Amino acid sequence: MFVPSTFAVALPMTIFSTVCWGSFANTFKGARNYRFELYIPRLRSGHLPG
């Protein structure tokens, strides 16, 4: 786990993690009838299901 030492580092990290969190949920909703076990490895490798 990384703990930022300054506010200038913490703010971009917070924004980046929020974008990543939202993109996971939106792409998972768009991948209907796709098993969760197969979705995670493909998302991590940079491929969208489909």
PDB file of N, CA and C in Angstrom:
ATOM      1  N   MET A   1       0.840  -1.169   0.000  1.00  0.00           N
ATOM      2  CA  MET A   1       0.000   0.000   0.000  1.00  0.00           C
ATOM      3  C   MET A   1       0.892   1.241   0.000  1.00  0.00           C
ATOM      4  N   PHE A   2       0.492   2.232  -0.775  1.00  0.00           N
ATOM      5  CA  PHE A   2       1.252   3.476  -0.868  1.00  0.00           C
ATOM      6  C   PHE A   2       0.518   4.574  -0.114  1.00  0.00           C
ATOM      7  N   VAL A   3       1.210   5.238   0.775  1.00  0.00           N
ATOM      8  CA  VAL A   3       0.642   6.351   1.536  1.00  0.00           C
ATOM      9  C   VAL A   3       1.334   7.630   1.072  1.00  0.00           C
ATOM     10  N   PRO A   4       0.584   8.546   0.450  1.00  0.00           N
ATOM     11  CA  PRO A   4       1.208   9.775  -0.034  1.00  0.00           C
ATOM     12  C   PRO A   4       1.680  10.656   1.114  1.00  0.00           C
ATOM     13  N   SER A   5       2.783  11.330   0.875  1.00  0.00           N
ATOM     14  CA  SER A   5       3.360  12.162   1.934  1.00  0.00           C
ATOM     15  C   SER A   5       2.868  13.599   1.880  1.00  0.00           C
ATOM     16  N   THR A   6       2.353  14.042   0.724  1.00  0.00           N
ATOM     17  CA  THR A   6       1.881  15.422   0.606  1.00  0.00           C
ATOM     18  C   THR A   6       0.496  15.452  -0.026  1.00  0.00           C
ATOM     19  N   PHE A   7      -0.150  16.575   0.146  1.00  0.00           N
ATOM     20  CA  PHE A   7      -1.473  16.756  -0.436  1.00  0.00           C
ATOM     21  C   PHE A   7      -1.392  16.796  -1.962  1.00  0.00           C
ATOM     22  N   ALA A   8      -0.295  17.343  -2.482  1.00  0.00           N
ATOM     23  CA  ALA A   8      -0.122  17.434  -3.934  1.00  0.00           C
ATOM     24  C   ALA A   8      -0.040  16.054  -4.589  1.00  0.00           C
ATOM     25  N   VAL A   9       0.397  15.071  -3.874  1.00  0.00           N
ATOM     26  CA  VAL A   9       0.439  13.700  -4.390  1.00  0.00           C
ATOM     27  C   VAL A   9      -0.890  12.994  -4.117  1.00  0.00           C
ATOM     28  N   ALA A  10      -1.488  13.266  -2.986  1.00  0.00           N
ATOM     29  CA  ALA A  10      -2.728  12.592  -2.595  1.00  0.00           C
ATOM     30  C   ALA A  10      -3.902  12.954  -3.491  1.00  0.00           C
ATOM     31  N   LEU A  11      -3.994  14.208  -3.899  1.00  0.00           N
ATOM     32  CA  LEU A  11      -5.136  14.632  -4.718  1.00  0.00           C
ATOM     33  C   LEU A  11      -5.174  13.943  -6.079  1.00  0.00           C
ATOM     34  N   PRO A  12      -4.093  13.924  -6.857  1.00  0.00           N
ATOM     35  CA  PRO A  12      -4.151  13.190  -8.130  1.00  0.00           C
ATOM     36  C   PRO A  12      -4.391  11.686  -7.949  1.00  0.00           C
ATOM     37  N   MET A  13      -3.836  11.119  -6.874  1.00  0.00           N
ATOM     38  CA  MET A  13      -4.085   9.696  -6.620  1.00  0.00           C
ATOM     39  C   MET A  13      -5.560   9.435  -6.343  1.00  0.00           C
ATOM     40  N   THR A  14      -6.186  10.331  -5.616  1.00  0.00           N
ATOM     41  CA  THR A  14      -7.612  10.185  -5.319  1.00  0.00           C
ATOM     42  C   THR A  14      -8.443  10.280  -6.587  1.00  0.00           C
ATOM     43  N   ILE A  15      -8.133  11.228  -7.425  1.00  0.00           N
ATOM     44  CA  ILE A  15      -8.866  11.392  -8.686  1.00  0.00           C
ATOM     45  C   ILE A  15      -8.657  10.179  -9.585  1.00  0.00           C
ATOM     46  N   PHE A  16      -7.420   9.710  -9.678  1.00  0.00           N
ATOM     47  CA  PHE A  16      -7.125   8.541 -10.503  1.00  0.00           C
ATOM     48  C   PHE A  16      -7.858   7.299 -10.010  1.00  0.00           C
ATOM     49  N   SER A  17      -7.868   7.080  -8.701  1.00  0.00           N
ATOM     50  CA  SER A  17      -8.549   5.895  -8.162  1.00  0.00           C
ATOM     51  C   SER A  17     -10.056   5.986  -8.359  1.00  0.00           C
ATOM     52  N   THR A  18     -10.616   7.193  -8.305  1.00  0.00           N
ATOM     53  CA  THR A  18     -12.045   7.367  -8.545  1.00  0.00           C
ATOM     54  C   THR A  18     -12.399   7.042  -9.989  1.00  0.00           C
ATOM     55  N   VAL A  19     -11.577   7.473 -10.923  1.00  0.00           N
ATOM     56  CA  VAL A  19     -11.811   7.168 -12.337  1.00  0.00           C
ATOM     57  C   VAL A  19     -11.718   5.667 -12.580  1.00  0.00           C
ATOM     58  N   CYS A  20     -10.712   5.023 -12.008  1.00  0.00           N
ATOM     59  CA  CYS A  20     -10.557   3.578 -12.185  1.00  0.00           C
ATOM     60  C   CYS A  20     -11.710   2.812 -11.560  1.00  0.00           C
ATOM     61  N   TRP A  21     -12.172   3.250 -10.412  1.00  0.00           N
ATOM     62  CA  TRP A  21     -13.278   2.594  -9.731  1.00  0.00           C
ATOM     63  C   TRP A  21     -14.529   2.675 -10.589  1.00  0.00           C
ATOM     64  N   GLY A  22     -14.816   3.827 -11.152  1.00  0.00           N
ATOM     65  CA  GLY A  22     -15.989   4.002 -11.993  1.00  0.00           C
ATOM     66  C   GLY A  22     -15.888   3.253 -13.301  1.00  0.00           C
ATOM     67  N   SER A  23     -14.704   3.198 -13.887  1.00  0.00           N
ATOM     68  CA  SER A  23     -14.557   2.511 -15.163  1.00  0.00           C
ATOM     69  C   SER A  23     -14.765   1.008 -14.998  1.00  0.00           C
ATOM     70  N   PHE A  24     -14.334   0.445 -13.856  1.00  0.00           N
ATOM     71  CA  PHE A  24     -14.565  -0.983 -13.614  1.00  0.00           C
ATOM     72  C   PHE A  24     -16.062  -1.283 -13.558  1.00  0.00           C
ATOM     73  N   ALA A  25     -16.798  -0.486 -12.803  1.00  0.00           N
ATOM     74  CA  ALA A  25     -18.233  -0.724 -12.657  1.00  0.00           C
ATOM     75  C   ALA A  25     -18.960  -0.560 -13.984  1.00  0.00           C
ATOM     76  N   ASN A  26     -18.618   0.454 -14.735  1.00  0.00           N
ATOM     77  CA  ASN A  26     -19.308   0.692 -16.012  1.00  0.00           C
ATOM     78  C   ASN A  26     -18.999  -0.369 -17.040  1.00  0.00           C
ATOM     79  N   THR A  27     -17.751  -0.806 -17.137  1.00  0.00           N
ATOM     80  CA  THR A  27     -17.448  -1.847 -18.118  1.00  0.00           C
ATOM     81  C   THR A  27     -18.039  -3.195 -17.690  1.00  0.00           C
ATOM     82  N   PHE A  28     -18.114  -3.450 -16.391  1.00  0.00           N
ATOM     83  CA  PHE A  28     -18.713  -4.705 -15.947  1.00  0.00           C
ATOM     84  C   PHE A  28     -20.211  -4.724 -16.226  1.00  0.00           C
ATOM     85  N   LYS A  29     -20.871  -3.591 -16.071  1.00  0.00           N
ATOM     86  CA  LYS A  29     -22.294  -3.520 -16.401  1.00  0.00           C
ATOM     87  C   LYS A  29     -22.520  -3.714 -17.895  1.00  0.00           C
ATOM     88  N   GLY A  30     -21.597  -3.212 -18.703  1.00  0.00           N
ATOM     89  CA  GLY A  30     -21.718  -3.350 -20.146  1.00  0.00           C
ATOM     90  C   GLY A  30     -21.426  -4.747 -20.647  1.00  0.00           C
ATOM     91  N   ALA A  31     -20.780  -5.554 -19.836  1.00  0.00           N
ATOM     92  CA  ALA A  31     -20.427  -6.919 -20.228  1.00  0.00           C
ATOM     93  C   ALA A  31     -21.482  -7.881 -19.693  1.00  0.00           C
ATOM     94  N   ARG A  32     -22.639  -7.791 -20.199  1.00  0.00           N
ATOM     95  CA  ARG A  32     -23.728  -8.660 -19.730  1.00  0.00           C
ATOM     96  C   ARG A  32     -23.473 -10.101 -20.141  1.00  0.00           C
ATOM     97  N   ASN A  33     -23.962 -10.999 -19.329  1.00  0.00           N
ATOM     98  CA  ASN A  33     -23.809 -12.440 -19.557  1.00  0.00           C
ATOM     99  C   ASN A  33     -22.343 -12.853 -19.669  1.00  0.00           C
ATOM    100  N   TYR A  34     -21.481 -12.184 -18.937  1.00  0.00           N
ATOM    101  CA  TYR A  34     -20.058 -12.510 -18.927  1.00  0.00           C
ATOM    102  C   TYR A  34     -19.685 -12.885 -17.507  1.00  0.00           C
ATOM    103  N   ARG A  35     -19.095 -14.050 -17.324  1.00  0.00           N
ATOM    104  CA  ARG A  35     -18.779 -14.524 -15.983  1.00  0.00           C
ATOM    105  C   ARG A  35     -17.735 -13.645 -15.312  1.00  0.00           C
ATOM    106  N   PHE A  36     -17.948 -13.365 -14.044  1.00  0.00           N
ATOM    107  CA  PHE A  36     -17.061 -12.497 -13.274  1.00  0.00           C
ATOM    108  C   PHE A  36     -15.644 -13.049 -13.212  1.00  0.00           C
ATOM    109  N   GLU A  37     -15.503 -14.371 -13.105  1.00  0.00           N
ATOM    110  CA  GLU A  37     -14.195 -15.001 -13.000  1.00  0.00           C
ATOM    111  C   GLU A  37     -13.362 -14.777 -14.261  1.00  0.00           C
ATOM    112  N   LEU A  38     -14.016 -14.673 -15.404  1.00  0.00           N
ATOM    113  CA  LEU A  38     -13.307 -14.450 -16.657  1.00  0.00           C
ATOM    114  C   LEU A  38     -13.123 -12.967 -16.943  1.00  0.00           C
ATOM    115  N   TYR A  39     -13.948 -12.134 -16.353  1.00  0.00           N
ATOM    116  CA  TYR A  39     -13.906 -10.693 -16.606  1.00  0.00           C
ATOM    117  C   TYR A  39     -12.672 -10.042 -15.995  1.00  0.00           C
ATOM    118  N   ILE A  40     -12.345 -10.378 -14.759  1.00  0.00           N
ATOM    119  CA  ILE A  40     -11.249  -9.725 -14.040  1.00  0.00           C
ATOM    120  C   ILE A  40      -9.898  -9.893 -14.753  1.00  0.00           C
ATOM    121  N   PRO A  41      -9.471 -11.101 -15.132  1.00  0.00           N
ATOM    122  CA  PRO A  41      -8.172 -11.221 -15.818  1.00  0.00           C
ATOM    123  C   PRO A  41      -8.117 -10.447 -17.139  1.00  0.00           C
ATOM    124  N   ARG A  42      -9.220 -10.419 -17.869  1.00  0.00           N
ATOM    125  CA  ARG A  42      -9.227  -9.697 -19.146  1.00  0.00           C
ATOM    126  C   ARG A  42      -9.190  -8.192 -18.923  1.00  0.00           C
ATOM    127  N   LEU A  43      -9.838  -7.717 -17.870  1.00  0.00           N
ATOM    128  CA  LEU A  43      -9.802  -6.288 -17.568  1.00  0.00           C
ATOM    129  C   LEU A  43      -8.393  -5.886 -17.138  1.00  0.00           C
ATOM    130  N   ARG A  44      -7.750  -6.708 -16.326  1.00  0.00           N
ATOM    131  CA  ARG A  44      -6.387  -6.402 -15.867  1.00  0.00           C
ATOM    132  C   ARG A  44      -5.394  -6.401 -17.021  1.00  0.00           C
ATOM    133  N   SER A  45      -5.610  -7.247 -18.006  1.00  0.00           N
ATOM    134  CA  SER A  45      -4.671  -7.302 -19.119  1.00  0.00           C
ATOM    135  C   SER A  45      -4.938  -6.215 -20.150  1.00  0.00           C
ATOM    136  N   GLY A  46      -5.993  -5.432 -19.974  1.00  0.00           N
ATOM    137  CA  GLY A  46      -6.265  -4.318 -20.862  1.00  0.00           C
ATOM    138  C   GLY A  46      -7.258  -4.606 -21.960  1.00  0.00           C
ATOM    139  N   HIS A  47      -7.902  -5.749 -21.911  1.00  0.00           N
ATOM    140  CA  HIS A  47      -8.885  -6.087 -22.932  1.00  0.00           C
ATOM    141  C   HIS A  47     -10.284  -5.929 -22.375  1.00  0.00           C
ATOM    142  N   LEU A  48     -11.131  -5.331 -23.158  1.00  0.00           N
ATOM    143  CA  LEU A  48     -12.537  -5.248 -22.761  1.00  0.00           C
ATOM    144  C   LEU A  48     -13.236  -6.522 -23.216  1.00  0.00           C
ATOM    145  N   PRO A  49     -14.188  -6.999 -22.429  1.00  0.00           N
ATOM    146  CA  PRO A  49     -14.905  -8.220 -22.833  1.00  0.00           C
ATOM    147  C   PRO A  49     -15.697  -8.001 -24.111  1.00  0.00           C
ATOM    148  N   GLY A  50     -15.805  -9.042 -24.858  1.00  0.00           N
ATOM    149  CA  GLY A  50     -16.648  -8.911 -26.036  1.00  0.00           C
ATOM    150  C   GLY A  50     -16.221  -9.671 -27.222  1.00  0.00           C
TER     151      GLY A  50
END
